Amino acid sequence: MNLTDWIGALGTFQILLAYILQVTNVLKKNSLIFILLNTIGAGMACTASVLLNYVPFIVLEAVWTLVSLGALVVYFRDRKTEQEQ
Protein backbone atom coordinates (compact mmCIF):
# COMPACT_ATOMS: atom_id res chain seq x y z
CA MET A 1 0.00 0.00 0.00
CA ASN A 2 1.23 3.47 -0.82
CA LEU A 3 0.65 6.70 1.13
CA THR A 4 -2.54 7.56 -0.78
CA ASP A 5 -3.97 4.13 0.07
CA TRP A 6 -3.14 4.59 3.75
CA ILE A 7 -4.72 8.04 3.88
CA GLY A 8 -7.89 6.76 2.20
CA ALA A 9 -8.04 3.60 4.30
CA LEU A 10 -7.61 5.47 7.60
CA GLY A 11 -10.18 8.07 6.58
CA THR A 12 -12.69 5.43 5.56
CA PHE A 13 -12.02 3.49 8.77
CA GLN A 14 -12.84 6.59 10.85
CA ILE A 15 -16.10 7.18 8.99
CA LEU A 16 -17.13 3.55 9.40
CA LEU A 17 -16.08 3.52 13.06
CA ALA A 18 -18.24 6.59 13.72
CA TYR A 19 -21.18 4.91 12.00
CA ILE A 20 -20.78 1.61 13.86
CA LEU A 21 -20.44 3.34 17.23
CA GLN A 22 -23.51 5.46 16.55
CA VAL A 23 -25.66 2.54 15.35
CA THR A 24 -24.69 0.49 18.40
CA ASN A 25 -25.58 3.42 20.70
CA VAL A 26 -22.01 3.84 21.93
CA LEU A 27 -21.93 7.40 20.55
CA LYS A 28 -24.69 9.89 19.92
CA LYS A 29 -24.83 11.61 16.55
CA ASN A 30 -24.28 14.99 18.20
CA SER A 31 -21.28 13.92 20.31
CA LEU A 32 -17.96 15.59 19.67
CA ILE A 33 -16.15 12.29 19.03
CA PHE A 34 -18.73 11.24 16.41
CA ILE A 35 -18.49 14.61 14.66
CA LEU A 36 -14.67 14.60 14.73
CA LEU A 37 -14.43 11.05 13.41
CA ASN A 38 -16.66 12.03 10.49
CA THR A 39 -14.90 15.35 9.83
CA ILE A 40 -11.35 14.02 9.96
CA GLY A 41 -12.24 10.76 8.22
CA ALA A 42 -14.05 12.47 5.36
CA GLY A 43 -11.23 14.99 5.03
CA MET A 44 -8.69 12.20 4.75
CA ALA A 45 -10.83 10.26 2.26
CA CYS A 46 -11.27 13.45 0.23
CA THR A 47 -7.52 14.02 0.26
CA ALA A 48 -6.91 10.49 -1.00
CA SER A 49 -9.53 11.01 -3.72
CA VAL A 50 -7.80 14.22 -4.81
CA LEU A 51 -4.47 12.40 -4.94
CA LEU A 52 -6.12 9.70 -7.06
CA ASN A 53 -7.87 12.36 -9.16
CA TYR A 54 -11.19 10.51 -8.79
CA VAL A 55 -13.81 13.24 -9.08
CA PRO A 56 -16.95 11.37 -7.94
CA PHE A 57 -15.38 10.64 -4.56
CA ILE A 58 -13.81 14.07 -4.33
CA VAL A 59 -17.33 15.51 -4.52
CA LEU A 60 -18.79 12.94 -2.11
CA GLU A 61 -16.09 13.34 0.52
CA ALA A 62 -15.85 17.12 0.16
CA VAL A 63 -19.59 17.43 0.83
CA TRP A 64 -19.32 14.96 3.72
CA THR A 65 -16.48 17.04 5.18
CA LEU A 66 -18.41 20.30 4.81
CA VAL A 67 -21.54 18.86 6.43
CA SER A 68 -19.44 17.49 9.28
CA LEU A 69 -17.72 20.85 9.71
CA GLY A 70 -21.18 22.42 9.90
CA ALA A 71 -22.10 19.96 12.65
CA LEU A 72 -18.89 20.91 14.47
CA VAL A 73 -19.81 24.60 14.32
CA VAL A 74 -23.30 23.82 15.67
CA TYR A 75 -21.79 21.69 18.44
CA PHE A 76 -19.55 24.52 19.67
CA ARG A 77 -22.27 27.16 19.20
CA ASP A 78 -24.73 25.13 21.28
CA ARG A 79 -22.07 24.45 23.89
CA LYS A 80 -21.32 28.17 24.17
CA THR A 81 -25.03 28.94 24.49
CA GLU A 82 -25.37 26.37 27.29
CA GLN A 83 -22.44 27.90 29.18
CA GLU A 84 -23.94 31.39 28.93
CA GLN A 85 -27.20 30.31 30.55
PDB file of N, CA and C in Angstrom:
ATOM      1  N   MET A   1       0.845  -1.180   0.000  1.00  0.00           N
ATOM      2  CA  MET A   1       0.000   0.000   0.000  1.00  0.00           C
ATOM      3  C   MET A   1       0.891   1.246   0.000  1.00  0.00           C
ATOM      4  N   ASN A   2       0.488   2.211  -0.797  1.00  0.00           N
ATOM      5  CA  ASN A   2       1.234   3.468  -0.820  1.00  0.00           C
ATOM      6  C   ASN A   2       0.566   4.485   0.123  1.00  0.00           C
ATOM      7  N   LEU A   3       1.154   5.676   0.199  1.00  0.00           N
ATOM      8  CA  LEU A   3       0.654   6.700   1.133  1.00  0.00           C
ATOM      9  C   LEU A   3      -0.804   7.076   0.850  1.00  0.00           C
ATOM     10  N   THR A   4      -1.159   7.214  -0.420  1.00  0.00           N
ATOM     11  CA  THR A   4      -2.540   7.555  -0.778  1.00  0.00           C
ATOM     12  C   THR A   4      -3.509   6.483  -0.271  1.00  0.00           C
ATOM     13  N   ASP A   5      -3.137   5.225  -0.425  1.00  0.00           N
ATOM     14  CA  ASP A   5      -3.973   4.128   0.070  1.00  0.00           C
ATOM     15  C   ASP A   5      -4.146   4.206   1.587  1.00  0.00           C
ATOM     16  N   TRP A   6      -3.067   4.497   2.296  1.00  0.00           N
ATOM     17  CA  TRP A   6      -3.137   4.591   3.754  1.00  0.00           C
ATOM     18  C   TRP A   6      -4.028   5.739   4.194  1.00  0.00           C
ATOM     19  N   ILE A   7      -3.880   6.883   3.541  1.00  0.00           N
ATOM     20  CA  ILE A   7      -4.719   8.039   3.883  1.00  0.00           C
ATOM     21  C   ILE A   7      -6.195   7.699   3.665  1.00  0.00           C
ATOM     22  N   GLY A   8      -6.502   7.133   2.506  1.00  0.00           N
ATOM     23  CA  GLY A   8      -7.886   6.765   2.204  1.00  0.00           C
ATOM     24  C   GLY A   8      -8.424   5.697   3.135  1.00  0.00           C
ATOM     25  N   ALA A   9      -7.602   4.695   3.428  1.00  0.00           N
ATOM     26  CA  ALA A   9      -8.040   3.603   4.299  1.00  0.00           C
ATOM     27  C   ALA A   9      -8.300   4.104   5.722  1.00  0.00           C
ATOM     28  N   LEU A  10      -7.411   4.939   6.245  1.00  0.00           N
ATOM     29  CA  LEU A  10      -7.609   5.469   7.600  1.00  0.00           C
ATOM     30  C   LEU A  10      -8.822   6.398   7.660  1.00  0.00           C
ATOM     31  N   GLY A  11      -9.013   7.199   6.632  1.00  0.00           N
ATOM     32  CA  GLY A  11     -10.185   8.067   6.581  1.00  0.00           C
ATOM     33  C   GLY A  11     -11.477   7.271   6.541  1.00  0.00           C
ATOM     34  N   THR A  12     -11.500   6.272   5.680  1.00  0.00           N
ATOM     35  CA  THR A  12     -12.693   5.428   5.562  1.00  0.00           C
ATOM     36  C   THR A  12     -12.948   4.671   6.863  1.00  0.00           C
ATOM     37  N   PHE A  13     -11.883   4.190   7.487  1.00  0.00           N
ATOM     38  CA  PHE A  13     -12.020   3.494   8.774  1.00  0.00           C
ATOM     39  C   PHE A  13     -12.677   4.404   9.815  1.00  0.00           C
ATOM     40  N   GLN A  14     -12.264   5.663   9.869  1.00  0.00           N
ATOM     41  CA  GLN A  14     -12.836   6.588  10.851  1.00  0.00           C
ATOM     42  C   GLN A  14     -14.323   6.829  10.601  1.00  0.00           C
ATOM     43  N   ILE A  15     -14.689   6.989   9.329  1.00  0.00           N
ATOM     44  CA  ILE A  15     -16.103   7.182   8.989  1.00  0.00           C
ATOM     45  C   ILE A  15     -16.920   5.957   9.401  1.00  0.00           C
ATOM     46  N   LEU A  16     -16.414   4.776   9.060  1.00  0.00           N
ATOM     47  CA  LEU A  16     -17.131   3.547   9.403  1.00  0.00           C
ATOM     48  C   LEU A  16     -17.177   3.330  10.909  1.00  0.00           C
ATOM     49  N   LEU A  17     -16.095   3.647  11.605  1.00  0.00           N
ATOM     50  CA  LEU A  17     -16.078   3.522  13.056  1.00  0.00           C
ATOM     51  C   LEU A  17     -17.132   4.424  13.685  1.00  0.00           C
ATOM     52  N   ALA A  18     -17.225   5.660  13.209  1.00  0.00           N
ATOM     53  CA  ALA A  18     -18.238   6.589  13.724  1.00  0.00           C
ATOM     54  C   ALA A  18     -19.635   6.013  13.503  1.00  0.00           C
ATOM     55  N   TYR A  19     -19.868   5.477  12.329  1.00  0.00           N
ATOM     56  CA  TYR A  19     -21.183   4.915  12.003  1.00  0.00           C
ATOM     57  C   TYR A  19     -21.501   3.713  12.907  1.00  0.00           C
ATOM     58  N   ILE A  20     -20.558   2.806  13.040  1.00  0.00           N
ATOM     59  CA  ILE A  20     -20.784   1.610  13.859  1.00  0.00           C
ATOM     60  C   ILE A  20     -21.041   1.999  15.320  1.00  0.00           C
ATOM     61  N   LEU A  21     -20.255   2.925  15.836  1.00  0.00           N
ATOM     62  CA  LEU A  21     -20.438   3.339  17.229  1.00  0.00           C
ATOM     63  C   LEU A  21     -21.765   4.064  17.443  1.00  0.00           C
ATOM     64  N   GLN A  22     -22.226   4.769  16.433  1.00  0.00           N
ATOM     65  CA  GLN A  22     -23.515   5.462  16.550  1.00  0.00           C
ATOM     66  C   GLN A  22     -24.672   4.467  16.454  1.00  0.00           C
ATOM     67  N   VAL A  23     -24.593   3.533  15.531  1.00  0.00           N
ATOM     68  CA  VAL A  23     -25.658   2.543  15.348  1.00  0.00           C
ATOM     69  C   VAL A  23     -25.782   1.634  16.571  1.00  0.00           C
ATOM     70  N   THR A  24     -24.669   1.354  17.217  1.00  0.00           N
ATOM     71  CA  THR A  24     -24.694   0.485  18.404  1.00  0.00           C
ATOM     72  C   THR A  24     -24.909   1.267  19.699  1.00  0.00           C
ATOM     73  N   ASN A  25     -25.273   2.542  19.566  1.00  0.00           N
ATOM     74  CA  ASN A  25     -25.581   3.418  20.703  1.00  0.00           C
ATOM     75  C   ASN A  25     -24.406   3.651  21.646  1.00  0.00           C
ATOM     76  N   VAL A  26     -23.188   3.508  21.138  1.00  0.00           N
ATOM     77  CA  VAL A  26     -22.010   3.842  21.932  1.00  0.00           C
ATOM     78  C   VAL A  26     -21.789   5.354  21.889  1.00  0.00           C
ATOM     79  N   LEU A  27     -22.036   5.953  20.731  1.00  0.00           N
ATOM     80  CA  LEU A  27     -21.926   7.403  20.551  1.00  0.00           C
ATOM     81  C   LEU A  27     -23.250   7.956  20.065  1.00  0.00           C
ATOM     82  N   LYS A  28     -23.523   9.190  20.454  1.00  0.00           N
ATOM     83  CA  LYS A  28     -24.688   9.891  19.916  1.00  0.00           C
ATOM     84  C   LYS A  28     -24.247  10.689  18.705  1.00  0.00           C
ATOM     85  N   LYS A  29     -25.189  10.920  17.791  1.00  0.00           N
ATOM     86  CA  LYS A  29     -24.829  11.611  16.550  1.00  0.00           C
ATOM     87  C   LYS A  29     -24.408  13.062  16.776  1.00  0.00           C
ATOM     88  N   ASN A  30     -24.697  13.610  17.924  1.00  0.00           N
ATOM     89  CA  ASN A  30     -24.283  14.988  18.201  1.00  0.00           C
ATOM     90  C   ASN A  30     -23.117  15.060  19.194  1.00  0.00           C
ATOM     91  N   SER A  31     -22.446  13.912  19.416  1.00  0.00           N
ATOM     92  CA  SER A  31     -21.284  13.922  20.309  1.00  0.00           C
ATOM     93  C   SER A  31     -20.057  14.424  19.553  1.00  0.00           C
ATOM     94  N   LEU A  32     -19.158  15.024  20.287  1.00  0.00           N
ATOM     95  CA  LEU A  32     -17.960  15.587  19.674  1.00  0.00           C
ATOM     96  C   LEU A  32     -17.118  14.506  18.999  1.00  0.00           C
ATOM     97  N   ILE A  33     -16.973  13.358  19.623  1.00  0.00           N
ATOM     98  CA  ILE A  33     -16.155  12.292  19.027  1.00  0.00           C
ATOM     99  C   ILE A  33     -16.756  11.833  17.705  1.00  0.00           C
ATOM    100  N   PHE A  34     -18.070  11.648  17.653  1.00  0.00           N
ATOM    101  CA  PHE A  34     -18.732  11.243  16.413  1.00  0.00           C
ATOM    102  C   PHE A  34     -18.489  12.271  15.313  1.00  0.00           C
ATOM    103  N   ILE A  35     -18.662  13.541  15.645  1.00  0.00           N
ATOM    104  CA  ILE A  35     -18.488  14.609  14.657  1.00  0.00           C
ATOM    105  C   ILE A  35     -17.037  14.675  14.185  1.00  0.00           C
ATOM    106  N   LEU A  36     -16.088  14.560  15.112  1.00  0.00           N
ATOM    107  CA  LEU A  36     -14.673  14.604  14.731  1.00  0.00           C
ATOM    108  C   LEU A  36     -14.258  13.410  13.886  1.00  0.00           C
ATOM    109  N   LEU A  37     -14.744  12.226  14.235  1.00  0.00           N
ATOM    110  CA  LEU A  37     -14.433  11.048  13.406  1.00  0.00           C
ATOM    111  C   LEU A  37     -14.923  11.255  11.975  1.00  0.00           C
ATOM    112  N   ASN A  38     -16.121  11.779  11.827  1.00  0.00           N
ATOM    113  CA  ASN A  38     -16.656  12.033  10.492  1.00  0.00           C
ATOM    114  C   ASN A  38     -15.879  13.133   9.763  1.00  0.00           C
ATOM    115  N   THR A  39     -15.591  14.221  10.458  1.00  0.00           N
ATOM    116  CA  THR A  39     -14.900  15.349   9.832  1.00  0.00           C
ATOM    117  C   THR A  39     -13.495  14.962   9.382  1.00  0.00           C
ATOM    118  N   ILE A  40     -12.733  14.386  10.280  1.00  0.00           N
ATOM    119  CA  ILE A  40     -11.355  14.021   9.958  1.00  0.00           C
ATOM    120  C   ILE A  40     -11.320  12.877   8.946  1.00  0.00           C
ATOM    121  N   GLY A  41     -12.185  11.892   9.153  1.00  0.00           N
ATOM    122  CA  GLY A  41     -12.238  10.756   8.223  1.00  0.00           C
ATOM    123  C   GLY A  41     -12.609  11.181   6.812  1.00  0.00           C
ATOM    124  N   ALA A  42     -13.635  12.009   6.691  1.00  0.00           N
ATOM    125  CA  ALA A  42     -14.050  12.469   5.363  1.00  0.00           C
ATOM    126  C   ALA A  42     -12.980  13.351   4.740  1.00  0.00           C
ATOM    127  N   GLY A  43     -12.318  14.160   5.548  1.00  0.00           N
ATOM    128  CA  GLY A  43     -11.234  14.993   5.029  1.00  0.00           C
ATOM    129  C   GLY A  43     -10.087  14.154   4.491  1.00  0.00           C
ATOM    130  N   MET A  44      -9.758  13.088   5.209  1.00  0.00           N
ATOM    131  CA  MET A  44      -8.694  12.198   4.750  1.00  0.00           C
ATOM    132  C   MET A  44      -9.106  11.447   3.489  1.00  0.00           C
ATOM    133  N   ALA A  45     -10.347  10.962   3.456  1.00  0.00           N
ATOM    134  CA  ALA A  45     -10.832  10.260   2.263  1.00  0.00           C
ATOM    135  C   ALA A  45     -10.886  11.203   1.058  1.00  0.00           C
ATOM    136  N   CYS A  46     -11.245  12.450   1.307  1.00  0.00           N
ATOM    137  CA  CYS A  46     -11.272  13.446   0.234  1.00  0.00           C
ATOM    138  C   CYS A  46      -9.851  13.712  -0.277  1.00  0.00           C
ATOM    139  N   THR A  47      -8.919  13.818   0.646  1.00  0.00           N
ATOM    140  CA  THR A  47      -7.521  14.022   0.257  1.00  0.00           C
ATOM    141  C   THR A  47      -7.024  12.876  -0.607  1.00  0.00           C
ATOM    142  N   ALA A  48      -7.314  11.650  -0.214  1.00  0.00           N
ATOM    143  CA  ALA A  48      -6.911  10.491  -1.002  1.00  0.00           C
ATOM    144  C   ALA A  48      -7.565  10.523  -2.380  1.00  0.00           C
ATOM    145  N   SER A  49      -8.826  10.923  -2.438  1.00  0.00           N
ATOM    146  CA  SER A  49      -9.533  11.006  -3.720  1.00  0.00           C
ATOM    147  C   SER A  49      -8.913  12.065  -4.620  1.00  0.00           C
ATOM    148  N   VAL A  50      -8.483  13.181  -4.037  1.00  0.00           N
ATOM    149  CA  VAL A  50      -7.801  14.224  -4.811  1.00  0.00           C
ATOM    150  C   VAL A  50      -6.488  13.674  -5.363  1.00  0.00           C
ATOM    151  N   LEU A  51      -5.734  12.978  -4.512  1.00  0.00           N
ATOM    152  CA  LEU A  51      -4.466  12.404  -4.945  1.00  0.00           C
ATOM    153  C   LEU A  51      -4.657  11.374  -6.051  1.00  0.00           C
ATOM    154  N   LEU A  52      -5.789  10.678  -6.010  1.00  0.00           N
ATOM    155  CA  LEU A  52      -6.117   9.695  -7.060  1.00  0.00           C
ATOM    156  C   LEU A  52      -6.776  10.349  -8.267  1.00  0.00           C
ATOM    157  N   ASN A  53      -7.167  11.615  -8.109  1.00  0.00           N
ATOM    158  CA  ASN A  53      -7.874  12.356  -9.159  1.00  0.00           C
ATOM    159  C   ASN A  53      -9.174  11.654  -9.563  1.00  0.00           C
ATOM    160  N   TYR A  54      -9.919  11.205  -8.550  1.00  0.00           N
ATOM    161  CA  TYR A  54     -11.190  10.513  -8.795  1.00  0.00           C
ATOM    162  C   TYR A  54     -12.331  11.430  -8.361  1.00  0.00           C
ATOM    163  N   VAL A  55     -12.857  12.155  -9.330  1.00  0.00           N
ATOM    164  CA  VAL A  55     -13.805  13.242  -9.085  1.00  0.00           C
ATOM    165  C   VAL A  55     -15.076  12.821  -8.342  1.00  0.00           C
ATOM    166  N   PRO A  56     -15.714  11.704  -8.677  1.00  0.00           N
ATOM    167  CA  PRO A  56     -16.954  11.372  -7.940  1.00  0.00           C
ATOM    168  C   PRO A  56     -16.742  11.301  -6.423  1.00  0.00           C
ATOM    169  N   PHE A  57     -15.635  10.727  -5.992  1.00  0.00           N
ATOM    170  CA  PHE A  57     -15.383  10.639  -4.558  1.00  0.00           C
ATOM    171  C   PHE A  57     -14.833  11.929  -3.983  1.00  0.00           C
ATOM    172  N   ILE A  58     -14.200  12.742  -4.802  1.00  0.00           N
ATOM    173  CA  ILE A  58     -13.805  14.071  -4.329  1.00  0.00           C
ATOM    174  C   ILE A  58     -15.054  14.840  -3.931  1.00  0.00           C
ATOM    175  N   VAL A  59     -16.069  14.809  -4.797  1.00  0.00           N
ATOM    176  CA  VAL A  59     -17.326  15.514  -4.520  1.00  0.00           C
ATOM    177  C   VAL A  59     -18.004  14.923  -3.279  1.00  0.00           C
ATOM    178  N   LEU A  60     -18.131  13.607  -3.236  1.00  0.00           N
ATOM    179  CA  LEU A  60     -18.787  12.939  -2.106  1.00  0.00           C
ATOM    180  C   LEU A  60     -18.102  13.286  -0.787  1.00  0.00           C
ATOM    181  N   GLU A  61     -16.808  13.124  -0.735  1.00  0.00           N
ATOM    182  CA  GLU A  61     -16.087  13.337   0.523  1.00  0.00           C
ATOM    183  C   GLU A  61     -15.959  14.813   0.876  1.00  0.00           C
ATOM    184  N   ALA A  62     -15.890  15.683  -0.124  1.00  0.00           N
ATOM    185  CA  ALA A  62     -15.854  17.123   0.156  1.00  0.00           C
ATOM    186  C   ALA A  62     -17.169  17.565   0.796  1.00  0.00           C
ATOM    187  N   VAL A  63     -18.285  17.093   0.247  1.00  0.00           N
ATOM    188  CA  VAL A  63     -19.592  17.433   0.827  1.00  0.00           C
ATOM    189  C   VAL A  63     -19.709  16.849   2.231  1.00  0.00           C
ATOM    190  N   TRP A  64     -19.271  15.600   2.409  1.00  0.00           N
ATOM    191  CA  TRP A  64     -19.318  14.960   3.717  1.00  0.00           C
ATOM    192  C   TRP A  64     -18.501  15.765   4.725  1.00  0.00           C
ATOM    193  N   THR A  65     -17.329  16.236   4.310  1.00  0.00           N
ATOM    194  CA  THR A  65     -16.478  17.044   5.180  1.00  0.00           C
ATOM    195  C   THR A  65     -17.159  18.359   5.542  1.00  0.00           C
ATOM    196  N   LEU A  66     -17.745  19.017   4.554  1.00  0.00           N
ATOM    197  CA  LEU A  66     -18.408  20.304   4.813  1.00  0.00           C
ATOM    198  C   LEU A  66     -19.604  20.144   5.752  1.00  0.00           C
ATOM    199  N   VAL A  67     -20.391  19.111   5.547  1.00  0.00           N
ATOM    200  CA  VAL A  67     -21.545  18.863   6.426  1.00  0.00           C
ATOM    201  C   VAL A  67     -21.056  18.574   7.850  1.00  0.00           C
ATOM    202  N   SER A  68     -19.995  17.797   7.956  1.00  0.00           N
ATOM    203  CA  SER A  68     -19.437  17.488   9.277  1.00  0.00           C
ATOM    204  C   SER A  68     -18.857  18.728   9.943  1.00  0.00           C
ATOM    205  N   LEU A  69     -18.217  19.584   9.164  1.00  0.00           N
ATOM    206  CA  LEU A  69     -17.725  20.852   9.714  1.00  0.00           C
ATOM    207  C   LEU A  69     -18.877  21.719  10.206  1.00  0.00           C
ATOM    208  N   GLY A  70     -19.991  21.698   9.467  1.00  0.00           N
ATOM    209  CA  GLY A  70     -21.183  22.422   9.901  1.00  0.00           C
ATOM    210  C   GLY A  70     -21.686  21.889  11.231  1.00  0.00           C
ATOM    211  N   ALA A  71     -21.684  20.570  11.384  1.00  0.00           N
ATOM    212  CA  ALA A  71     -22.100  19.962  12.654  1.00  0.00           C
ATOM    213  C   ALA A  71     -21.153  20.355  13.780  1.00  0.00           C
ATOM    214  N   LEU A  72     -19.875  20.489  13.464  1.00  0.00           N
ATOM    215  CA  LEU A  72     -18.891  20.909  14.468  1.00  0.00           C
ATOM    216  C   LEU A  72     -19.144  22.344  14.922  1.00  0.00           C
ATOM    217  N   VAL A  73     -19.477  23.203  13.987  1.00  0.00           N
ATOM    218  CA  VAL A  73     -19.810  24.600  14.320  1.00  0.00           C
ATOM    219  C   VAL A  73     -21.047  24.635  15.216  1.00  0.00           C
ATOM    220  N   VAL A  74     -22.068  23.879  14.862  1.00  0.00           N
ATOM    221  CA  VAL A  74     -23.297  23.825  15.667  1.00  0.00           C
ATOM    222  C   VAL A  74     -22.992  23.291  17.067  1.00  0.00           C
ATOM    223  N   TYR A  75     -22.152  22.271  17.142  1.00  0.00           N
ATOM    224  CA  TYR A  75     -21.788  21.695  18.442  1.00  0.00           C
ATOM    225  C   TYR A  75     -21.192  22.762  19.355  1.00  0.00           C
ATOM    226  N   PHE A  76     -20.208  23.508  18.845  1.00  0.00           N
ATOM    227  CA  PHE A  76     -19.553  24.523  19.674  1.00  0.00           C
ATOM    228  C   PHE A  76     -20.454  25.725  19.928  1.00  0.00           C
ATOM    229  N   ARG A  77     -21.319  26.069  18.983  1.00  0.00           N
ATOM    230  CA  ARG A  77     -22.273  27.164  19.199  1.00  0.00           C
ATOM    231  C   ARG A  77     -23.248  26.790  20.309  1.00  0.00           C
ATOM    232  N   ASP A  78     -23.790  25.583  20.252  1.00  0.00           N
ATOM    233  CA  ASP A  78     -24.726  25.127  21.281  1.00  0.00           C
ATOM    234  C   ASP A  78     -24.049  25.025  22.644  1.00  0.00           C
ATOM    235  N   ARG A  79     -22.812  24.580  22.636  1.00  0.00           N
ATOM    236  CA  ARG A  79     -22.070  24.451  23.893  1.00  0.00           C
ATOM    237  C   ARG A  79     -21.840  25.827  24.515  1.00  0.00           C
ATOM    238  N   LYS A  80     -21.521  26.807  23.682  1.00  0.00           N
ATOM    239  CA  LYS A  80     -21.319  28.170  24.166  1.00  0.00           C
ATOM    240  C   LYS A  80     -22.619  28.740  24.728  1.00  0.00           C
ATOM    241  N   THR A  81     -23.730  28.468  24.048  1.00  0.00           N
ATOM    242  CA  THR A  81     -25.029  28.939  24.491  1.00  0.00           C
ATOM    243  C   THR A  81     -25.378  28.328  25.848  1.00  0.00           C
ATOM    244  N   GLU A  82     -25.097  27.033  26.021  1.00  0.00           N
ATOM    245  CA  GLU A  82     -25.369  26.366  27.291  1.00  0.00           C
ATOM    246  C   GLU A  82     -24.557  26.970  28.431  1.00  0.00           C
ATOM    247  N   GLN A  83     -23.317  27.327  28.144  1.00  0.00           N
ATOM    248  CA  GLN A  83     -22.437  27.895  29.181  1.00  0.00           C
ATOM    249  C   GLN A  83     -22.881  29.305  29.572  1.00  0.00           C
ATOM    250  N   GLU A  84     -23.501  30.026  28.652  1.00  0.00           N
ATOM    251  CA  GLU A  84     -23.943  31.389  28.929  1.00  0.00           C
ATOM    252  C   GLU A  84     -25.212  31.430  29.762  1.00  0.00           C
ATOM    253  N   GLN A  85     -25.924  30.331  29.824  1.00  0.00           N
ATOM    254  CA  GLN A  85     -27.199  30.314  30.553  1.00  0.00           C
ATOM    255  C   GLN A  85     -27.016  30.061  32.010  1.00  0.00           C
TER     256      GLN A  85
END
